[in-house]
Amino acid sequence: MELRARLVRLLGPGFSAGGFADVARLGISDCHGWLLEDLRFTGAQDEPIPAYLLRPPDGADPVPSVVCCHAHGNRYRMGRDELIQGRPALQGAYAPDLVAAGIAALCIEMPCFGARAAPDESSRAKAALWRGETLFGQMLAEQRAGVDFLADHPSVRADSIGAFGFSMGSTLAFWLAALEPRIRAASALCSFADLATLVGMGAHDGHGIYMMVPGLLSLARTGQIAGLIAPRALQVGVGLQDWSTPEAAVEVARRDLEAAFAGGGRLEVMVEPDTGHEETLAMRTAVLRFLSEELAWTT
């Protein structure tokens, strides 16, 4: 069985359960000259799932878009608001920069965060594991359903959808792109390292239980998973003073990535020796350039 299919099996049946059952538009407001839609998707077990859609005004030509995967940071009160408010580890909110770049964005509130803070991460993860599923698989399933939504939206170019994120959002972004071929380009900041190396160093326990996928280490390394994105485009950014991306673990993942992209595809790996778990100005500039170049293409 090829790697992508085996990863899907590890994530559990929830990942393959299908898209959102419904979407409600609860409001709309101005956001830097574009429109910010307050959405409520209906997910598994009829759970309401808040999301923001940042898009151009009605009547505008369709534009490229991104799935904006928000971070964790133990800030359980913050979910989709990261898109419009930013967070301390980021160089401000991404919304104004995406509007300036002409790129629409969908930010879905992940389980355990924002309005979905209860049940909490531990409770959700344990229940999922008892059911033979994973919380991470649920998160990825919802992000993939977001791709379905964007691909059908009249404001969006279905052939130009990307994904990006910081920290937890980084892991979601490169996994989503690895498993979903409709993602044209992915940018992943400050969470990209070989997990087996982290475990061997005793540096893994900072990761949340949401990320636990039983049997993963015996199946694939981080770089091999992200390597499934090739020959599509991938950008990775890390700081070597970040607890989650020590140099030894980054180098293992980087070697796997470079091997996967040796046959073609754009790969950018940004390594900042003196940076911790934070987005730098250089990273922000690189992300916006990368997304603009890879998504704003013409046929």
C-alpha atoms as a PDB file:
ATOM      1  CA  MET A   1       0.000   0.000   0.000  1.00  0.00           C
ATOM      2  CA  GLU A   2       1.439   3.387  -0.954  1.00  0.00           C
ATOM      3  CA  LEU A   3       2.414   5.803   1.807  1.00  0.00           C
ATOM      4  CA  ARG A   4      -0.426   8.293   1.400  1.00  0.00           C
ATOM      5  CA  ALA A   5      -3.058   5.564   1.783  1.00  0.00           C
ATOM      6  CA  ARG A   6      -1.286   4.079   4.796  1.00  0.00           C
ATOM      7  CA  LEU A   7      -1.169   7.475   6.500  1.00  0.00           C
ATOM      8  CA  VAL A   8      -4.891   7.891   5.920  1.00  0.00           C
ATOM      9  CA  ARG A   9      -5.484   4.544   7.630  1.00  0.00           C
ATOM     10  CA  LEU A  10      -3.412   5.577  10.639  1.00  0.00           C
ATOM     11  CA  LEU A  11      -5.395   8.796  11.035  1.00  0.00           C
ATOM     12  CA  GLY A  12      -8.564   6.747  11.533  1.00  0.00           C
ATOM     13  CA  PRO A  13     -11.967   6.568   9.836  1.00  0.00           C
ATOM     14  CA  GLY A  14     -12.837  10.117  10.849  1.00  0.00           C
ATOM     15  CA  PHE A  15     -10.418  11.489   8.269  1.00  0.00           C
ATOM     16  CA  SER A  16     -12.341   9.846   5.422  1.00  0.00           C
ATOM     17  CA  ALA A  17     -15.823  10.644   6.747  1.00  0.00           C
ATOM     18  CA  GLY A  18     -16.540  13.308   4.126  1.00  0.00           C
ATOM     19  CA  GLY A  19     -16.999  17.063   4.051  1.00  0.00           C
ATOM     20  CA  PHE A  20     -19.158  19.473   6.000  1.00  0.00           C
ATOM     21  CA  ALA A  21     -22.887  18.748   6.040  1.00  0.00           C
ATOM     22  CA  ASP A  22     -23.884  22.393   5.777  1.00  0.00           C
ATOM     23  CA  VAL A  23     -22.666  25.975   5.970  1.00  0.00           C
ATOM     24  CA  ALA A  24     -24.454  29.024   7.394  1.00  0.00           C
ATOM     25  CA  ARG A  25     -23.386  32.615   6.746  1.00  0.00           C
ATOM     26  CA  LEU A  26     -24.012  34.517   9.962  1.00  0.00           C
ATOM     27  CA  GLY A  27     -22.610  37.896   9.048  1.00  0.00           C
ATOM     28  CA  ILE A  28     -20.288  39.888   6.853  1.00  0.00           C
ATOM     29  CA  SER A  29     -18.047  42.874   7.532  1.00  0.00           C
ATOM     30  CA  ASP A  30     -15.352  44.965   5.906  1.00  0.00           C
ATOM     31  CA  CYS A  31     -11.786  43.784   6.367  1.00  0.00           C
ATOM     32  CA  HIS A  32      -9.132  46.010   4.796  1.00  0.00           C
ATOM     33  CA  GLY A  33     -11.383  46.640   1.788  1.00  0.00           C
ATOM     34  CA  TRP A  34     -12.360  42.992   1.329  1.00  0.00           C
ATOM     35  CA  LEU A  35     -15.212  41.039   2.918  1.00  0.00           C
ATOM     36  CA  LEU A  36     -14.922  38.938   6.075  1.00  0.00           C
ATOM     37  CA  GLU A  37     -17.665  36.321   6.279  1.00  0.00           C
ATOM     38  CA  ASP A  38     -18.622  34.783   9.627  1.00  0.00           C
ATOM     39  CA  LEU A  39     -19.329  31.143   8.772  1.00  0.00           C
ATOM     40  CA  ARG A  40     -20.688  28.160  10.694  1.00  0.00           C
ATOM     41  CA  PHE A  41     -20.048  24.765   9.162  1.00  0.00           C
ATOM     42  CA  THR A  42     -21.828  21.673  10.433  1.00  0.00           C
ATOM     43  CA  GLY A  43     -19.382  18.896  11.227  1.00  0.00           C
ATOM     44  CA  ALA A  44     -19.464  15.383  12.625  1.00  0.00           C
ATOM     45  CA  GLN A  45     -22.127  14.736  15.270  1.00  0.00           C
ATOM     46  CA  ASP A  46     -23.704  18.030  14.141  1.00  0.00           C
ATOM     47  CA  GLU A  47     -21.003  20.061  15.895  1.00  0.00           C
ATOM     48  CA  PRO A  48     -21.006  23.725  14.816  1.00  0.00           C
ATOM     49  CA  ILE A  49     -17.628  24.764  13.430  1.00  0.00           C
ATOM     50  CA  PRO A  50     -16.874  28.505  13.214  1.00  0.00           C
ATOM     51  CA  ALA A  51     -14.728  29.824  10.388  1.00  0.00           C
ATOM     52  CA  TYR A  52     -13.787  33.076   8.720  1.00  0.00           C
ATOM     53  CA  LEU A  53     -13.691  33.519   4.968  1.00  0.00           C
ATOM     54  CA  LEU A  54     -11.724  36.540   3.787  1.00  0.00           C
ATOM     55  CA  ARG A  55     -12.577  37.258   0.153  1.00  0.00           C
ATOM     56  CA  PRO A  56     -12.877  40.033  -2.439  1.00  0.00           C
ATOM     57  CA  PRO A  57     -16.141  41.944  -2.925  1.00  0.00           C
ATOM     58  CA  ASP A  58     -18.985  40.431  -4.923  1.00  0.00           C
ATOM     59  CA  GLY A  59     -18.469  40.712  -8.668  1.00  0.00           C
ATOM     60  CA  ALA A  60     -14.673  40.634  -8.513  1.00  0.00           C
ATOM     61  CA  ASP A  61     -12.747  38.089 -10.539  1.00  0.00           C
ATOM     62  CA  PRO A  62     -11.911  34.836  -8.739  1.00  0.00           C
ATOM     63  CA  VAL A  63      -8.646  34.933  -6.813  1.00  0.00           C
ATOM     64  CA  PRO A  64      -6.152  32.430  -5.368  1.00  0.00           C
ATOM     65  CA  SER A  65      -6.861  31.288  -1.817  1.00  0.00           C
ATOM     66  CA  VAL A  66      -5.262  29.625   1.185  1.00  0.00           C
ATOM     67  CA  VAL A  67      -6.390  27.439   4.030  1.00  0.00           C
ATOM     68  CA  CYS A  68      -5.022  29.318   7.033  1.00  0.00           C
ATOM     69  CA  CYS A  69      -4.263  26.724   9.716  1.00  0.00           C
ATOM     70  CA  HIS A  70      -4.178  28.462  13.081  1.00  0.00           C
ATOM     71  CA  ALA A  71      -1.649  27.701  15.820  1.00  0.00           C
ATOM     72  CA  HIS A  72      -1.949  26.137  19.280  1.00  0.00           C
ATOM     73  CA  GLY A  73       0.357  27.843  21.790  1.00  0.00           C
ATOM     74  CA  ASN A  74      -1.885  26.670  24.671  1.00  0.00           C
ATOM     75  CA  ARG A  75      -4.097  29.646  23.817  1.00  0.00           C
ATOM     76  CA  TYR A  76      -7.318  27.682  23.715  1.00  0.00           C
ATOM     77  CA  ARG A  77      -9.460  30.805  23.596  1.00  0.00           C
ATOM     78  CA  MET A  78      -7.945  31.738  20.239  1.00  0.00           C
ATOM     79  CA  GLY A  79      -8.826  29.906  17.054  1.00  0.00           C
ATOM     80  CA  ARG A  80      -9.937  31.521  13.821  1.00  0.00           C
ATOM     81  CA  ASP A  81      -9.306  35.000  15.256  1.00  0.00           C
ATOM     82  CA  GLU A  82      -5.620  34.468  14.538  1.00  0.00           C
ATOM     83  CA  LEU A  83      -6.358  35.422  10.922  1.00  0.00           C
ATOM     84  CA  ILE A  84      -7.563  38.911  11.840  1.00  0.00           C
ATOM     85  CA  GLN A  85      -5.868  39.515  15.198  1.00  0.00           C
ATOM     86  CA  GLY A  86      -2.546  37.701  14.908  1.00  0.00           C
ATOM     87  CA  ARG A  87      -0.840  36.291  18.012  1.00  0.00           C
ATOM     88  CA  PRO A  88       2.313  37.215  19.988  1.00  0.00           C
ATOM     89  CA  ALA A  89       4.538  34.784  18.073  1.00  0.00           C
ATOM     90  CA  LEU A  90       3.520  36.226  14.687  1.00  0.00           C
ATOM     91  CA  GLN A  91       4.476  39.446  12.935  1.00  0.00           C
ATOM     92  CA  GLY A  92       0.884  40.648  13.259  1.00  0.00           C
ATOM     93  CA  ALA A  93      -2.289  39.388  11.614  1.00  0.00           C
ATOM     94  CA  TYR A  94      -2.095  37.882   8.146  1.00  0.00           C
ATOM     95  CA  ALA A  95      -5.413  39.342   6.948  1.00  0.00           C
ATOM     96  CA  PRO A  96      -4.117  42.726   5.700  1.00  0.00           C
ATOM     97  CA  ASP A  97      -1.105  41.142   4.005  1.00  0.00           C
ATOM     98  CA  LEU A  98      -3.262  38.564   2.225  1.00  0.00           C
ATOM     99  CA  VAL A  99      -5.657  41.269   1.019  1.00  0.00           C
ATOM    100  CA  ALA A 100      -2.696  43.248  -0.309  1.00  0.00           C
ATOM    101  CA  ALA A 101      -1.450  40.109  -2.087  1.00  0.00           C
ATOM    102  CA  GLY A 102      -4.883  39.385  -3.588  1.00  0.00           C
ATOM    103  CA  ILE A 103      -5.214  36.015  -1.839  1.00  0.00           C
ATOM    104  CA  ALA A 104      -8.447  34.891  -0.156  1.00  0.00           C
ATOM    105  CA  ALA A 105      -8.271  32.901   3.086  1.00  0.00           C
ATOM    106  CA  LEU A 106     -10.369  30.391   4.996  1.00  0.00           C
ATOM    107  CA  CYS A 107      -9.541  29.948   8.696  1.00  0.00           C
ATOM    108  CA  ILE A 108     -11.457  27.156  10.425  1.00  0.00           C
ATOM    109  CA  GLU A 109     -11.625  27.005  14.214  1.00  0.00           C
ATOM    110  CA  MET A 110     -10.108  23.682  15.187  1.00  0.00           C
ATOM    111  CA  PRO A 111     -11.582  21.425  17.905  1.00  0.00           C
ATOM    112  CA  CYS A 112     -10.415  22.508  21.410  1.00  0.00           C
ATOM    113  CA  PHE A 113     -10.070  26.170  20.419  1.00  0.00           C
ATOM    114  CA  GLY A 114     -12.213  29.297  20.512  1.00  0.00           C
ATOM    115  CA  ALA A 115     -15.914  28.514  20.582  1.00  0.00           C
ATOM    116  CA  ARG A 116     -14.970  24.809  20.479  1.00  0.00           C
ATOM    117  CA  ALA A 117     -12.785  24.895  23.602  1.00  0.00           C
ATOM    118  CA  ALA A 118     -15.064  22.367  25.319  1.00  0.00           C
ATOM    119  CA  PRO A 119     -14.564  19.423  25.310  1.00  0.00           C
ATOM    120  CA  ASP A 120     -10.885  20.159  25.808  1.00  0.00           C
ATOM    121  CA  GLU A 121      -7.879  18.717  23.970  1.00  0.00           C
ATOM    122  CA  SER A 122      -7.211  15.878  26.405  1.00  0.00           C
ATOM    123  CA  SER A 123     -10.837  14.783  26.503  1.00  0.00           C
ATOM    124  CA  ARG A 124     -11.245  14.869  22.727  1.00  0.00           C
ATOM    125  CA  ALA A 125      -7.953  13.083  22.028  1.00  0.00           C
ATOM    126  CA  LYS A 126      -8.623  10.279  24.518  1.00  0.00           C
ATOM    127  CA  ALA A 127     -12.158   9.693  23.248  1.00  0.00           C
ATOM    128  CA  ALA A 128     -10.919   9.595  19.667  1.00  0.00           C
ATOM    129  CA  LEU A 129      -8.190   7.067  20.484  1.00  0.00           C
ATOM    130  CA  TRP A 130     -10.683   4.811  22.257  1.00  0.00           C
ATOM    131  CA  ARG A 131     -12.821   4.911  19.113  1.00  0.00           C
ATOM    132  CA  GLY A 132      -9.843   3.942  16.959  1.00  0.00           C
ATOM    133  CA  GLU A 133      -9.599   7.491  15.589  1.00  0.00           C
ATOM    134  CA  THR A 134      -7.307  10.465  16.190  1.00  0.00           C
ATOM    135  CA  LEU A 135      -7.943  14.095  17.038  1.00  0.00           C
ATOM    136  CA  PHE A 136      -5.297  15.022  14.474  1.00  0.00           C
ATOM    137  CA  GLY A 137      -7.252  13.079  11.851  1.00  0.00           C
ATOM    138  CA  GLN A 138     -10.383  15.065  12.721  1.00  0.00           C
ATOM    139  CA  MET A 139      -8.491  18.333  12.385  1.00  0.00           C
ATOM    140  CA  LEU A 140      -7.135  17.340   8.983  1.00  0.00           C
ATOM    141  CA  ALA A 141     -10.560  16.136   7.841  1.00  0.00           C
ATOM    142  CA  GLU A 142     -12.021  19.545   8.645  1.00  0.00           C
ATOM    143  CA  GLN A 143      -9.205  21.328   6.822  1.00  0.00           C
ATOM    144  CA  ARG A 144      -9.761  19.093   3.807  1.00  0.00           C
ATOM    145  CA  ALA A 145     -13.488  19.888   3.922  1.00  0.00           C
ATOM    146  CA  GLY A 146     -12.386  23.516   3.832  1.00  0.00           C
ATOM    147  CA  VAL A 147     -10.601  22.795   0.565  1.00  0.00           C
ATOM    148  CA  ASP A 148     -13.896  21.407  -0.785  1.00  0.00           C
ATOM    149  CA  PHE A 149     -15.600  24.654   0.237  1.00  0.00           C
ATOM    150  CA  LEU A 150     -12.977  26.872  -1.362  1.00  0.00           C
ATOM    151  CA  ALA A 151     -12.907  24.851  -4.588  1.00  0.00           C
ATOM    152  CA  ASP A 152     -16.654  25.425  -5.028  1.00  0.00           C
ATOM    153  CA  HIS A 153     -16.686  29.103  -4.031  1.00  0.00           C
ATOM    154  CA  PRO A 154     -17.318  31.638  -6.839  1.00  0.00           C
ATOM    155  CA  SER A 155     -14.711  34.046  -5.430  1.00  0.00           C
ATOM    156  CA  VAL A 156     -11.942  31.442  -5.555  1.00  0.00           C
ATOM    157  CA  ARG A 157      -9.863  29.863  -8.286  1.00  0.00           C
ATOM    158  CA  ALA A 158     -10.238  26.127  -7.748  1.00  0.00           C
ATOM    159  CA  ASP A 159      -6.874  25.502  -9.419  1.00  0.00           C
ATOM    160  CA  SER A 160      -4.963  27.836  -7.095  1.00  0.00           C
ATOM    161  CA  ILE A 161      -5.476  26.799  -3.468  1.00  0.00           C
ATOM    162  CA  GLY A 162      -2.668  26.783  -0.928  1.00  0.00           C
ATOM    163  CA  ALA A 163      -2.169  26.139   2.781  1.00  0.00           C
ATOM    164  CA  PHE A 164      -0.019  27.758   5.427  1.00  0.00           C
ATOM    165  CA  GLY A 165       0.379  27.864   9.167  1.00  0.00           C
ATOM    166  CA  PHE A 166       2.599  28.468  12.171  1.00  0.00           C
ATOM    167  CA  SER A 167       3.398  25.883  14.883  1.00  0.00           C
ATOM    168  CA  MET A 168       0.395  23.513  15.061  1.00  0.00           C
ATOM    169  CA  GLY A 169      -0.765  25.206  11.886  1.00  0.00           C
ATOM    170  CA  SER A 170       2.545  24.304  10.248  1.00  0.00           C
ATOM    171  CA  THR A 171       2.028  20.599  10.934  1.00  0.00           C
ATOM    172  CA  LEU A 172      -1.550  20.771   9.688  1.00  0.00           C
ATOM    173  CA  ALA A 173      -0.507  22.652   6.561  1.00  0.00           C
ATOM    174  CA  PHE A 174       2.161  20.225   5.357  1.00  0.00           C
ATOM    175  CA  TRP A 175       0.119  17.151   6.284  1.00  0.00           C
ATOM    176  CA  LEU A 176      -2.905  18.599   4.464  1.00  0.00           C
ATOM    177  CA  ALA A 177      -0.841  19.267   1.358  1.00  0.00           C
ATOM    178  CA  ALA A 178       0.711  15.799   1.563  1.00  0.00           C
ATOM    179  CA  LEU A 179      -2.709  14.125   1.630  1.00  0.00           C
ATOM    180  CA  GLU A 180      -4.701  16.529  -0.564  1.00  0.00           C
ATOM    181  CA  PRO A 181      -3.412  16.926  -4.142  1.00  0.00           C
ATOM    182  CA  ARG A 182      -5.579  20.009  -4.743  1.00  0.00           C
ATOM    183  CA  ILE A 183      -3.229  22.021  -2.507  1.00  0.00           C
ATOM    184  CA  ARG A 184      -0.912  23.722  -4.988  1.00  0.00           C
ATOM    185  CA  ALA A 185       1.587  25.100  -2.456  1.00  0.00           C
ATOM    186  CA  ALA A 186       2.139  24.917   1.302  1.00  0.00           C
ATOM    187  CA  SER A 187       4.131  27.055   3.715  1.00  0.00           C
ATOM    188  CA  ALA A 188       4.960  25.646   7.154  1.00  0.00           C
ATOM    189  CA  LEU A 189       6.634  27.716   9.888  1.00  0.00           C
ATOM    190  CA  CYS A 190       8.165  26.639  13.195  1.00  0.00           C
ATOM    191  CA  SER A 191       7.140  23.015  13.515  1.00  0.00           C
ATOM    192  CA  PHE A 192       9.096  20.796  11.150  1.00  0.00           C
ATOM    193  CA  ALA A 193      11.393  18.176  12.623  1.00  0.00           C
ATOM    194  CA  ASP A 194      11.904  14.433  12.573  1.00  0.00           C
ATOM    195  CA  LEU A 195       9.723  13.055  15.351  1.00  0.00           C
ATOM    196  CA  ALA A 196      11.775   9.938  16.092  1.00  0.00           C
ATOM    197  CA  THR A 197      14.824  12.151  16.581  1.00  0.00           C
ATOM    198  CA  LEU A 198      12.826  14.392  18.921  1.00  0.00           C
ATOM    199  CA  VAL A 199      11.780  11.348  20.951  1.00  0.00           C
ATOM    200  CA  GLY A 200      15.364  10.118  21.102  1.00  0.00           C
ATOM    201  CA  MET A 201      16.472  13.526  22.385  1.00  0.00           C
ATOM    202  CA  GLY A 202      13.640  13.690  24.922  1.00  0.00           C
ATOM    203  CA  ALA A 203      12.471  16.872  23.192  1.00  0.00           C
ATOM    204  CA  HIS A 204       9.025  15.700  22.083  1.00  0.00           C
ATOM    205  CA  ASP A 205       6.870  16.262  25.151  1.00  0.00           C
ATOM    206  CA  GLY A 206       6.135  19.886  24.347  1.00  0.00           C
ATOM    207  CA  HIS A 207       3.816  18.763  21.563  1.00  0.00           C
ATOM    208  CA  GLY A 208       0.150  18.515  22.423  1.00  0.00           C
ATOM    209  CA  ILE A 209      -1.732  15.227  22.583  1.00  0.00           C
ATOM    210  CA  TYR A 210      -3.751  16.362  19.545  1.00  0.00           C
ATOM    211  CA  MET A 211      -0.754  15.387  17.399  1.00  0.00           C
ATOM    212  CA  MET A 212      -0.447  11.771  18.574  1.00  0.00           C
ATOM    213  CA  VAL A 213      -0.977   9.264  15.743  1.00  0.00           C
ATOM    214  CA  PRO A 214      -0.406   5.682  16.958  1.00  0.00           C
ATOM    215  CA  GLY A 215       2.119   3.758  14.885  1.00  0.00           C
ATOM    216  CA  LEU A 216       3.349   6.765  12.931  1.00  0.00           C
ATOM    217  CA  LEU A 217       7.050   6.420  13.752  1.00  0.00           C
ATOM    218  CA  SER A 218       7.185   2.893  12.354  1.00  0.00           C
ATOM    219  CA  LEU A 219       5.579   4.035   9.096  1.00  0.00           C
ATOM    220  CA  ALA A 220       7.153   7.328   8.029  1.00  0.00           C
ATOM    221  CA  ARG A 221       9.423  10.167   9.049  1.00  0.00           C
ATOM    222  CA  THR A 222       8.307  13.786   8.989  1.00  0.00           C
ATOM    223  CA  GLY A 223      10.324  14.582   5.866  1.00  0.00           C
ATOM    224  CA  GLN A 224       8.899  11.573   4.059  1.00  0.00           C
ATOM    225  CA  ILE A 225       5.351  12.708   4.850  1.00  0.00           C
ATOM    226  CA  ALA A 226       6.002  16.256   3.659  1.00  0.00           C
ATOM    227  CA  GLY A 227       7.858  14.796   0.684  1.00  0.00           C
ATOM    228  CA  LEU A 228       4.523  13.570  -0.655  1.00  0.00           C
ATOM    229  CA  ILE A 229       3.891  17.190  -1.639  1.00  0.00           C
ATOM    230  CA  ALA A 230       6.507  16.970  -4.418  1.00  0.00           C
ATOM    231  CA  PRO A 231       6.464  18.040  -7.205  1.00  0.00           C
ATOM    232  CA  ARG A 232       4.111  20.724  -5.895  1.00  0.00           C
ATOM    233  CA  ALA A 233       5.663  23.599  -3.927  1.00  0.00           C
ATOM    234  CA  LEU A 234       6.670  23.532  -0.260  1.00  0.00           C
ATOM    235  CA  GLN A 235       8.251  26.145   1.959  1.00  0.00           C
ATOM    236  CA  VAL A 236       9.521  25.330   5.455  1.00  0.00           C
ATOM    237  CA  GLY A 237      10.844  27.779   8.034  1.00  0.00           C
ATOM    238  CA  VAL A 238      12.463  26.923  11.385  1.00  0.00           C
ATOM    239  CA  GLY A 239      14.497  28.522  14.132  1.00  0.00           C
ATOM    240  CA  LEU A 240      17.209  26.389  15.712  1.00  0.00           C
ATOM    241  CA  GLN A 241      16.619  27.903  19.180  1.00  0.00           C
ATOM    242  CA  ASP A 242      13.038  26.601  19.018  1.00  0.00           C
ATOM    243  CA  TRP A 243      12.451  23.643  21.376  1.00  0.00           C
ATOM    244  CA  SER A 244      10.391  21.927  18.649  1.00  0.00           C
ATOM    245  CA  THR A 245      13.002  22.215  15.898  1.00  0.00           C
ATOM    246  CA  PRO A 246      16.476  21.324  17.251  1.00  0.00           C
ATOM    247  CA  GLU A 247      19.128  21.134  14.567  1.00  0.00           C
ATOM    248  CA  ALA A 248      19.591  17.346  14.653  1.00  0.00           C
ATOM    249  CA  ALA A 249      15.872  16.717  14.109  1.00  0.00           C
ATOM    250  CA  VAL A 250      15.601  19.395  11.433  1.00  0.00           C
ATOM    251  CA  GLU A 251      18.499  17.951   9.459  1.00  0.00           C
ATOM    252  CA  VAL A 252      16.978  14.451   9.316  1.00  0.00           C
ATOM    253  CA  ALA A 253      13.688  15.887   8.048  1.00  0.00           C
ATOM    254  CA  ARG A 254      15.507  18.153   5.610  1.00  0.00           C
ATOM    255  CA  ARG A 255      17.466  15.282   4.063  1.00  0.00           C
ATOM    256  CA  ASP A 256      14.256  13.337   3.502  1.00  0.00           C
ATOM    257  CA  LEU A 257      12.640  16.390   1.927  1.00  0.00           C
ATOM    258  CA  GLU A 258      15.530  17.049  -0.408  1.00  0.00           C
ATOM    259  CA  ALA A 259      15.468  13.426  -1.537  1.00  0.00           C
ATOM    260  CA  ALA A 260      11.737  13.649  -2.246  1.00  0.00           C
ATOM    261  CA  PHE A 261      12.114  16.874  -4.235  1.00  0.00           C
ATOM    262  CA  ALA A 262      15.188  15.716  -6.144  1.00  0.00           C
ATOM    263  CA  GLY A 263      12.932  14.734  -9.031  1.00  0.00           C
ATOM    264  CA  GLY A 264      11.333  18.172  -9.293  1.00  0.00           C
ATOM    265  CA  GLY A 265       9.217  20.732  -7.507  1.00  0.00           C
ATOM    266  CA  ARG A 266       9.967  23.946  -5.638  1.00  0.00           C
ATOM    267  CA  LEU A 267      11.388  23.434  -2.153  1.00  0.00           C
ATOM    268  CA  GLU A 268      12.448  26.290   0.144  1.00  0.00           C
ATOM    269  CA  VAL A 269      13.931  25.593   3.572  1.00  0.00           C
ATOM    270  CA  MET A 270      14.618  28.634   5.745  1.00  0.00           C
ATOM    271  CA  VAL A 271      16.807  27.965   8.800  1.00  0.00           C
ATOM    272  CA  GLU A 272      17.448  30.791  11.264  1.00  0.00           C
ATOM    273  CA  PRO A 273      20.169  29.779  13.777  1.00  0.00           C
ATOM    274  CA  ASP A 274      19.326  32.351  16.457  1.00  0.00           C
ATOM    275  CA  THR A 275      15.517  32.290  16.308  1.00  0.00           C
ATOM    276  CA  GLY A 276      13.132  30.548  18.707  1.00  0.00           C
ATOM    277  CA  HIS A 277       9.479  29.580  18.333  1.00  0.00           C
ATOM    278  CA  GLU A 278       8.396  32.713  16.508  1.00  0.00           C
ATOM    279  CA  GLU A 279       7.832  34.094  13.057  1.00  0.00           C
ATOM    280  CA  THR A 280      10.513  36.570  12.061  1.00  0.00           C
ATOM    281  CA  LEU A 281      10.087  39.468   9.679  1.00  0.00           C
ATOM    282  CA  ALA A 282      12.216  37.581   7.151  1.00  0.00           C
ATOM    283  CA  MET A 283       9.882  34.594   7.425  1.00  0.00           C
ATOM    284  CA  ARG A 284       6.773  36.753   6.935  1.00  0.00           C
ATOM    285  CA  THR A 285       8.298  38.368   3.857  1.00  0.00           C
ATOM    286  CA  ALA A 286       9.277  34.975   2.455  1.00  0.00           C
ATOM    287  CA  VAL A 287       5.844  33.440   3.080  1.00  0.00           C
ATOM    288  CA  LEU A 288       4.017  36.223   1.260  1.00  0.00           C
ATOM    289  CA  ARG A 289       6.441  36.100  -1.649  1.00  0.00           C
ATOM    290  CA  PHE A 290       6.199  32.320  -1.888  1.00  0.00           C
ATOM    291  CA  LEU A 291       2.391  32.229  -1.784  1.00  0.00           C
ATOM    292  CA  SER A 292       2.096  35.050  -4.288  1.00  0.00           C
ATOM    293  CA  GLU A 293       4.498  33.417  -6.736  1.00  0.00           C
ATOM    294  CA  GLU A 294       3.031  29.929  -6.450  1.00  0.00           C
ATOM    295  CA  LEU A 295      -0.681  30.770  -6.335  1.00  0.00           C
ATOM    296  CA  ALA A 296      -1.026  33.875  -8.499  1.00  0.00           C
ATOM    297  CA  TRP A 297      -0.073  31.990 -11.658  1.00  0.00           C
ATOM    298  CA  THR A 298      -1.820  32.247 -15.010  1.00  0.00           C
ATOM    299  CA  THR A 299      -2.590  29.537 -17.506  1.00  0.00           C
END
